[in-house]
Amino acid sequence: MPTLGNVVVFFVALLPAAVLIIGVFALAHKIKMSMIGKLKYSREFSEHDVSEGDEIEIIETIYNPTFIPFFFLDIASYIDGKLLIEGHSKSEGMQLVVSRFHLLPFMKLTRRYSVKCLHRGLYRMESAAVLQKKDTLEYSRSFNVDSEVYVYPAAHPYAYSMNSLNFIHGTDPSKNKYVTDPFSVVGIRDYAFGDPFNTINFKATAKSAYQGNSCIKINRFEHNSDRIIMIYLNFQHTGEYAKTDRYEKTMERAISVCAGLVAEATENGHRVGFAANCRAYNGDNKIAFPISGGYQHAADILRSLASLRVDHASSFVSLIEAGMKSDVSMAEVFVVSPCTTDSLDAAVGMLKMRNAVEVVSL
């Protein structure tokens, strides 16, 4: 039976080996921590512009350029709870998202997570970090992650939108056949009953006869219009509306109505402008876009609708006066407002002097 002295001698003999083992583990941990700094990591959204309710992906890519393997490597970041990540529960605020990786030397991994965009907004992922102790949120290395997505508000259909004012002259191409431009020939077609004589293309007709086709050829012209749509969104509220859930929901619906008007005007080839007296994402006390056409212009407006803050920031009357000074005239004007006041009625009266105005009351 071993005596106490023998046990002590045994452990004393093992002490150098234990110190050596501890030293090796400490050195390995130090090397591992230094090698973490060489990892390459990125996290980005698969889309840059989407609509409310759409599903996109978060794409993670990590590369280990070292000869050291990494196991149980947790990388954490905060993502807004309005982006519902697959496998996560719905959250009102920011949610901590942790990804665990097991990396062999010189290994590259890519992961994709499905995300549903629950609400309009501008969402950004700016940083991520290696999480050493999950309970205490202790980080050992951070990565710069620069990715953003604009979630457009849901386009709310408006039944009385786009009421024509019979402005049938103009130079803007349109999908709707208001009037043809005699100087814009876009093709040639066969003659049809009722075509005017002055649209016959005699050269094309003679050429077709020479080729064995005796049908009369007619010039096909571009259709044009000069429909101008101007949208004013009023965030000014009455006393009982101030800072209430009802006001928030009403203005969110108003934003969706404006998004629907912008989308419809752009889809039909019209020019559109937008202005609102709210707090912009960059801190400005109003949003103003001149009347213009094209999908890029519409995208810029929708981005502003996505990122604006539901907060009254300036006078609505001054916003309309500024628009009239910039020569908003002969336009179809939609005034979207949560309430009606005497000052709003006066501003609408000014607009009606040179425009057709419809007040969208919410």
Protein backbone atom coordinates (compact mmCIF):
# COMPACT_ATOMS: atom_id res chain seq x y z
CA MET A 1 0.00 0.00 0.00
CA PRO A 2 1.48 3.33 -1.03
CA THR A 3 2.37 5.66 1.78
CA LEU A 4 1.76 9.39 1.89
CA GLY A 5 5.42 10.03 1.18
CA ASN A 6 5.30 7.94 -1.95
CA VAL A 7 2.26 9.86 -3.21
CA VAL A 8 3.99 13.20 -2.62
CA VAL A 9 7.10 12.00 -4.42
CA PHE A 10 4.94 10.82 -7.34
CA PHE A 11 3.20 14.19 -7.74
CA VAL A 12 6.47 16.09 -7.36
CA ALA A 13 7.89 13.98 -10.16
CA LEU A 14 4.90 14.84 -12.36
CA LEU A 15 5.11 18.58 -11.62
CA PRO A 16 7.57 19.45 -14.43
CA ALA A 17 5.44 17.55 -16.92
CA ALA A 18 2.29 19.35 -15.71
CA VAL A 19 3.99 22.75 -15.96
CA LEU A 20 5.16 21.84 -19.46
CA ILE A 21 1.65 20.81 -20.51
CA ILE A 22 0.09 24.00 -19.10
CA GLY A 23 2.75 26.06 -20.84
CA VAL A 24 2.06 24.33 -24.16
CA PHE A 25 -1.68 24.99 -23.83
CA ALA A 26 -1.06 28.63 -22.88
CA LEU A 27 1.27 29.09 -25.85
CA ALA A 28 -1.26 27.41 -28.16
CA HIS A 29 -4.02 29.69 -26.87
CA LYS A 30 -1.85 32.76 -27.39
CA ILE A 31 -1.00 31.67 -30.93
CA LYS A 32 -4.67 30.99 -31.61
CA MET A 33 -5.68 34.46 -30.37
CA SER A 34 -3.07 36.08 -32.59
CA MET A 35 -4.21 34.02 -35.57
CA ILE A 36 -7.84 35.07 -35.06
CA GLY A 37 -6.74 38.49 -36.24
CA LYS A 38 -5.93 36.99 -39.64
CA LEU A 39 -9.42 35.60 -40.27
CA LYS A 40 -11.37 37.10 -43.18
CA TYR A 41 -15.07 37.61 -42.48
CA SER A 42 -17.94 39.34 -44.28
CA ARG A 43 -21.69 39.54 -43.74
CA GLU A 44 -24.00 41.21 -46.26
CA PHE A 45 -27.58 41.42 -47.50
CA SER A 46 -28.36 39.68 -50.78
CA GLU A 47 -30.46 42.65 -51.98
CA HIS A 48 -30.13 46.42 -51.63
CA ASP A 49 -33.73 47.47 -52.35
CA VAL A 50 -36.77 45.36 -51.44
CA SER A 51 -40.39 45.89 -50.43
CA GLU A 52 -42.08 45.31 -47.12
CA GLY A 53 -42.92 41.63 -46.72
CA ASP A 54 -40.21 40.41 -49.10
CA GLU A 55 -37.70 37.73 -48.15
CA ILE A 56 -33.97 38.22 -48.68
CA GLU A 57 -30.83 36.49 -47.45
CA ILE A 58 -27.95 37.34 -45.16
CA ILE A 59 -24.76 35.90 -46.63
CA GLU A 60 -21.86 35.10 -44.31
CA THR A 61 -18.42 34.25 -45.62
CA ILE A 62 -15.42 33.33 -43.46
CA TYR A 63 -11.94 32.26 -44.53
CA ASN A 64 -9.14 30.84 -42.41
CA PRO A 65 -5.82 31.70 -44.14
CA THR A 66 -3.73 30.13 -41.36
CA PHE A 67 -2.48 26.64 -40.51
CA ILE A 68 -4.32 26.76 -37.14
CA PRO A 69 -7.74 25.04 -36.92
CA PHE A 70 -10.55 26.89 -35.12
CA PHE A 71 -13.33 24.99 -33.38
CA PHE A 72 -16.39 26.44 -31.65
CA LEU A 73 -15.68 29.86 -33.10
CA ASP A 74 -18.69 32.11 -32.36
CA ILE A 75 -19.15 35.35 -34.33
CA ALA A 76 -21.86 37.67 -33.02
CA SER A 77 -23.59 40.81 -34.25
CA TYR A 78 -26.75 42.79 -33.57
CA ILE A 79 -29.51 42.94 -36.21
CA ASP A 80 -32.76 44.89 -36.04
CA GLY A 81 -35.70 42.82 -34.84
CA LYS A 82 -37.86 44.01 -37.76
CA LEU A 83 -35.76 41.67 -39.90
CA LEU A 84 -37.11 38.26 -38.93
CA ILE A 85 -34.30 35.71 -39.30
CA GLU A 86 -35.18 32.12 -40.05
CA GLY A 87 -35.15 30.10 -36.85
CA HIS A 88 -35.37 33.16 -34.58
CA SER A 89 -38.41 34.48 -32.73
CA LYS A 90 -39.83 37.93 -33.44
CA SER A 91 -38.15 40.70 -31.43
CA GLU A 92 -39.14 44.33 -30.88
CA GLY A 93 -35.62 45.71 -30.46
CA MET A 94 -32.16 44.63 -31.55
CA GLN A 95 -31.46 40.90 -31.57
CA LEU A 96 -28.11 39.22 -30.95
CA VAL A 97 -27.29 36.78 -33.74
CA VAL A 98 -24.47 34.29 -33.13
CA SER A 99 -22.96 32.06 -35.82
CA ARG A 100 -20.74 29.10 -34.82
CA PHE A 101 -17.99 27.90 -37.14
CA HIS A 102 -15.54 25.00 -37.15
CA LEU A 103 -12.65 25.87 -39.46
CA LEU A 104 -9.82 23.69 -40.62
CA PRO A 105 -6.61 25.29 -41.94
CA PHE A 106 -7.15 27.27 -45.16
CA MET A 107 -10.88 26.54 -45.15
CA LYS A 108 -13.55 28.91 -46.56
CA LEU A 109 -17.22 28.66 -45.55
CA THR A 110 -20.32 30.48 -46.84
CA ARG A 111 -23.68 30.45 -45.11
CA ARG A 112 -27.04 31.92 -46.12
CA TYR A 113 -29.88 32.86 -43.79
CA SER A 114 -33.39 33.64 -44.95
CA VAL A 115 -34.71 36.97 -43.62
CA LYS A 116 -38.23 38.38 -43.89
CA CYS A 117 -38.54 42.19 -43.96
CA LEU A 118 -41.44 42.93 -41.61
CA HIS A 119 -41.46 46.73 -41.76
CA ARG A 120 -40.21 49.58 -43.94
CA GLY A 121 -36.87 51.10 -42.98
CA LEU A 122 -33.16 51.41 -43.67
CA TYR A 123 -31.35 48.53 -42.01
CA ARG A 124 -27.60 48.30 -41.61
CA MET A 125 -25.08 45.74 -40.42
CA GLU A 126 -21.95 47.59 -39.35
CA SER A 127 -19.85 45.25 -37.22
CA ALA A 128 -19.41 41.69 -35.98
CA ALA A 129 -17.12 40.20 -33.38
CA VAL A 130 -15.62 36.91 -32.23
CA LEU A 131 -17.47 35.94 -29.05
CA GLN A 132 -15.22 34.28 -26.45
CA LYS A 133 -17.61 34.09 -23.51
CA LYS A 134 -21.27 34.14 -24.48
CA ASP A 135 -22.56 34.73 -20.96
CA THR A 136 -20.45 37.85 -20.40
CA LEU A 137 -20.43 38.96 -24.07
CA GLU A 138 -16.62 39.13 -24.06
CA TYR A 139 -15.18 39.85 -27.51
CA SER A 140 -11.65 39.20 -28.71
CA ARG A 141 -11.73 40.47 -32.31
CA SER A 142 -14.14 42.67 -34.27
CA PHE A 143 -14.83 42.87 -38.00
CA ASN A 144 -16.12 45.82 -39.97
CA VAL A 145 -19.30 44.75 -41.75
CA ASP A 146 -20.72 47.41 -44.05
CA SER A 147 -24.01 46.34 -45.65
CA GLU A 148 -27.44 47.94 -45.83
CA VAL A 149 -30.89 47.30 -47.28
CA TYR A 150 -33.76 49.70 -48.01
CA VAL A 151 -37.15 48.16 -47.28
CA TYR A 152 -39.74 50.10 -49.24
CA PRO A 153 -43.16 50.61 -47.66
CA ALA A 154 -45.92 48.38 -48.98
CA ALA A 155 -47.61 50.14 -51.92
CA HIS A 156 -51.18 50.79 -50.82
CA PRO A 157 -53.57 51.01 -53.81
CA TYR A 158 -55.54 54.22 -53.99
CA ALA A 159 -58.83 53.90 -55.88
CA TYR A 160 -59.01 57.48 -57.13
CA SER A 161 -55.40 57.90 -58.20
CA MET A 162 -54.23 59.17 -61.60
CA ASN A 163 -57.31 61.16 -62.63
CA SER A 164 -56.41 62.54 -66.05
CA LEU A 165 -56.58 66.28 -66.61
CA ASN A 166 -56.54 65.83 -70.40
CA PHE A 167 -53.03 67.24 -70.75
CA ILE A 168 -52.55 65.38 -74.03
CA HIS A 169 -49.57 67.34 -75.32
CA GLY A 170 -46.01 66.72 -74.27
CA THR A 171 -42.69 65.01 -74.90
CA ASP A 172 -42.54 62.22 -72.32
CA PRO A 173 -43.00 58.64 -73.63
CA SER A 174 -45.96 56.86 -72.07
CA LYS A 175 -47.36 53.36 -72.12
CA ASN A 176 -50.84 54.84 -72.39
CA LYS A 177 -51.90 56.02 -75.86
CA TYR A 178 -52.84 59.65 -75.29
CA VAL A 179 -51.46 61.16 -78.50
CA THR A 180 -48.83 60.22 -81.08
CA ASP A 181 -45.73 62.24 -81.81
CA PRO A 182 -45.41 62.68 -85.63
CA PHE A 183 -41.66 63.22 -85.29
CA SER A 184 -40.99 60.02 -83.33
CA VAL A 185 -41.18 57.00 -85.68
CA VAL A 186 -40.51 53.78 -83.79
CA GLY A 187 -41.41 51.23 -86.47
CA ILE A 188 -43.46 50.22 -89.49
CA ARG A 189 -46.61 48.11 -89.66
CA ASP A 190 -49.22 46.99 -92.17
CA TYR A 191 -52.08 49.28 -93.07
CA ALA A 192 -55.28 48.93 -91.03
CA PHE A 193 -58.71 50.35 -91.74
CA GLY A 194 -58.99 53.91 -90.48
CA ASP A 195 -55.29 54.84 -90.66
CA PRO A 196 -54.82 58.41 -91.96
CA PHE A 197 -53.28 58.94 -95.38
CA ASN A 198 -50.41 61.07 -94.05
CA THR A 199 -49.02 58.12 -92.05
CA ILE A 200 -48.28 56.00 -95.15
CA ASN A 201 -44.60 55.24 -95.64
CA PHE A 202 -44.30 55.23 -99.45
CA LYS A 203 -40.68 54.03 -99.51
CA ALA A 204 -41.46 51.04 -97.30
CA THR A 205 -44.59 50.32 -99.36
CA ALA A 206 -42.62 50.35 -102.64
CA LYS A 207 -39.92 48.16 -101.16
CA SER A 208 -42.45 45.64 -99.89
CA ALA A 209 -44.10 45.50 -103.34
CA TYR A 210 -40.70 44.80 -104.91
CA GLN A 211 -40.24 41.95 -102.42
CA GLY A 212 -43.61 40.42 -103.36
CA ASN A 213 -45.67 41.88 -100.49
CA SER A 214 -48.21 44.35 -101.86
CA CYS A 215 -49.53 45.53 -98.46
CA ILE A 216 -49.39 49.27 -97.75
CA LYS A 217 -46.98 50.13 -94.93
CA ILE A 218 -47.77 52.63 -92.17
CA ASN A 219 -45.38 54.48 -89.85
CA ARG A 220 -45.76 53.54 -86.20
CA PHE A 221 -45.25 56.49 -83.86
CA GLU A 222 -44.34 56.83 -80.20
CA HIS A 223 -47.19 57.77 -77.88
CA ASN A 224 -46.54 60.72 -75.58
CA SER A 225 -48.12 62.53 -72.68
CA ASP A 226 -47.31 65.30 -70.28
CA ARG A 227 -48.97 64.05 -67.12
CA ILE A 228 -47.33 65.49 -64.03
CA ILE A 229 -47.98 64.01 -60.58
CA MET A 230 -47.04 65.91 -57.42
CA ILE A 231 -47.50 64.28 -54.00
CA TYR A 232 -47.49 66.20 -50.71
CA LEU A 233 -47.42 64.22 -47.44
CA ASN A 234 -48.45 66.13 -44.33
CA PHE A 235 -47.15 65.00 -40.93
CA GLN A 236 -48.63 67.98 -39.09
CA HIS A 237 -51.24 66.75 -36.63
CA THR A 238 -53.85 68.10 -34.29
CA GLY A 239 -53.42 68.02 -30.52
CA GLU A 240 -55.21 64.75 -29.83
CA TYR A 241 -53.08 62.98 -32.46
CA ALA A 242 -49.70 63.94 -31.06
CA LYS A 243 -47.39 60.99 -30.30
CA THR A 244 -50.10 58.33 -30.17
CA ASP A 245 -50.26 54.82 -31.61
CA ARG A 246 -53.21 55.93 -33.72
CA TYR A 247 -51.11 58.70 -35.27
CA GLU A 248 -48.23 56.30 -35.95
CA LYS A 249 -50.51 53.78 -37.68
CA THR A 250 -52.25 56.51 -39.67
CA MET A 251 -48.97 57.93 -40.95
CA GLU A 252 -47.65 54.48 -41.84
CA ARG A 253 -50.75 54.00 -43.98
CA ALA A 254 -50.20 57.46 -45.49
CA ILE A 255 -46.63 56.48 -46.39
CA SER A 256 -47.95 53.34 -48.09
CA VAL A 257 -50.48 55.40 -50.06
CA CYS A 258 -47.67 57.68 -51.29
CA ALA A 259 -45.56 54.67 -52.25
CA GLY A 260 -48.48 53.35 -54.30
CA LEU A 261 -48.94 56.68 -56.09
CA VAL A 262 -45.23 56.91 -56.92
CA ALA A 263 -45.13 53.33 -58.21
CA GLU A 264 -48.24 53.77 -60.33
CA ALA A 265 -47.07 57.06 -61.83
CA THR A 266 -43.67 55.61 -62.72
CA GLU A 267 -45.13 52.41 -64.17
CA ASN A 268 -47.33 54.48 -66.49
CA GLY A 269 -44.45 56.65 -67.70
CA HIS A 270 -45.52 59.85 -65.91
CA ARG A 271 -43.33 62.35 -64.15
CA VAL A 272 -43.68 62.52 -60.39
CA GLY A 273 -42.50 64.71 -57.52
CA PHE A 274 -42.73 64.29 -53.75
CA ALA A 275 -42.45 66.46 -50.66
CA ALA A 276 -43.08 65.87 -46.94
CA ASN A 277 -42.66 67.93 -43.78
CA CYS A 278 -41.12 65.15 -41.69
CA ARG A 279 -37.72 64.34 -40.23
CA ALA A 280 -35.48 62.75 -42.83
CA TYR A 281 -32.97 60.03 -42.01
CA ASN A 282 -30.07 62.48 -42.39
CA GLY A 283 -31.68 64.93 -39.94
CA ASP A 284 -33.22 67.38 -42.42
CA ASN A 285 -36.60 68.82 -41.42
CA LYS A 286 -38.23 68.07 -44.77
CA ILE A 287 -38.02 65.84 -47.83
CA ALA A 288 -38.37 67.35 -51.30
CA PHE A 289 -37.92 65.75 -54.71
CA PRO A 290 -38.46 67.76 -57.90
CA ILE A 291 -40.81 66.55 -60.60
CA SER A 292 -38.95 64.11 -62.80
CA GLY A 293 -39.32 60.73 -64.48
CA GLY A 294 -37.60 57.38 -64.59
CA TYR A 295 -37.22 54.39 -62.32
CA GLN A 296 -34.11 55.74 -60.61
CA HIS A 297 -35.98 58.89 -59.57
CA ALA A 298 -38.81 56.73 -58.22
CA ALA A 299 -36.31 54.56 -56.34
CA ASP A 300 -34.84 57.66 -54.67
CA ILE A 301 -38.32 58.71 -53.50
CA LEU A 302 -39.13 55.22 -52.22
CA ARG A 303 -35.84 55.14 -50.32
CA SER A 304 -36.75 58.38 -48.60
CA LEU A 305 -40.18 56.91 -47.73
CA ALA A 306 -38.45 53.82 -46.35
CA SER A 307 -36.03 55.70 -44.10
CA LEU A 308 -38.03 58.74 -42.94
CA ARG A 309 -39.05 59.19 -39.31
CA VAL A 310 -42.69 59.60 -38.38
CA ASP A 311 -42.28 63.04 -36.83
CA HIS A 312 -43.61 66.46 -37.81
CA ALA A 313 -40.61 68.73 -38.43
CA SER A 314 -41.78 71.83 -40.35
CA SER A 315 -44.83 73.75 -41.51
CA PHE A 316 -46.89 72.08 -44.23
CA VAL A 317 -47.99 75.44 -45.63
CA SER A 318 -44.37 76.52 -46.09
CA LEU A 319 -43.68 73.22 -47.85
CA ILE A 320 -46.45 73.90 -50.37
CA GLU A 321 -45.35 77.52 -50.84
CA ALA A 322 -41.83 76.31 -51.63
CA GLY A 323 -43.28 73.95 -54.23
CA MET A 324 -45.27 76.72 -55.85
CA LYS A 325 -42.16 78.87 -56.05
CA SER A 326 -40.43 76.03 -57.90
CA ASP A 327 -43.23 76.30 -60.48
CA VAL A 328 -45.44 73.33 -59.64
CA SER A 329 -48.27 74.03 -62.11
CA MET A 330 -50.55 72.14 -64.50
CA ALA A 331 -50.03 69.08 -62.33
CA GLU A 332 -52.24 66.51 -60.66
CA VAL A 333 -51.57 67.14 -56.99
CA PHE A 334 -52.35 64.63 -54.24
CA VAL A 335 -52.32 66.01 -50.69
CA VAL A 336 -52.09 63.13 -48.21
CA SER A 337 -52.90 64.32 -44.70
CA PRO A 338 -54.01 62.74 -41.40
CA CYS A 339 -56.33 65.65 -40.66
CA THR A 340 -57.77 68.84 -42.14
CA THR A 341 -57.18 72.31 -40.73
CA ASP A 342 -57.90 75.87 -41.81
CA SER A 343 -54.26 76.37 -42.80
CA LEU A 344 -54.34 73.16 -44.87
CA ASP A 345 -57.50 74.30 -46.64
CA ALA A 346 -55.81 77.62 -47.44
CA ALA A 347 -52.77 75.83 -48.85
CA VAL A 348 -54.98 73.58 -50.97
CA GLY A 349 -56.75 76.67 -52.25
CA MET A 350 -53.42 78.08 -53.43
CA LEU A 351 -52.60 74.84 -55.22
CA LYS A 352 -55.98 74.76 -56.98
CA MET A 353 -55.20 78.04 -58.72
CA ARG A 354 -52.85 76.26 -61.14
CA ASN A 355 -53.37 72.54 -60.53
CA ALA A 356 -55.96 69.84 -60.10
CA VAL A 357 -55.88 68.91 -56.41
CA GLU A 358 -57.22 65.89 -54.56
CA VAL A 359 -57.00 65.68 -50.79
CA VAL A 360 -56.49 62.15 -49.49
CA SER A 361 -57.91 62.30 -45.99
CA LEU A 362 -56.81 59.60 -43.55
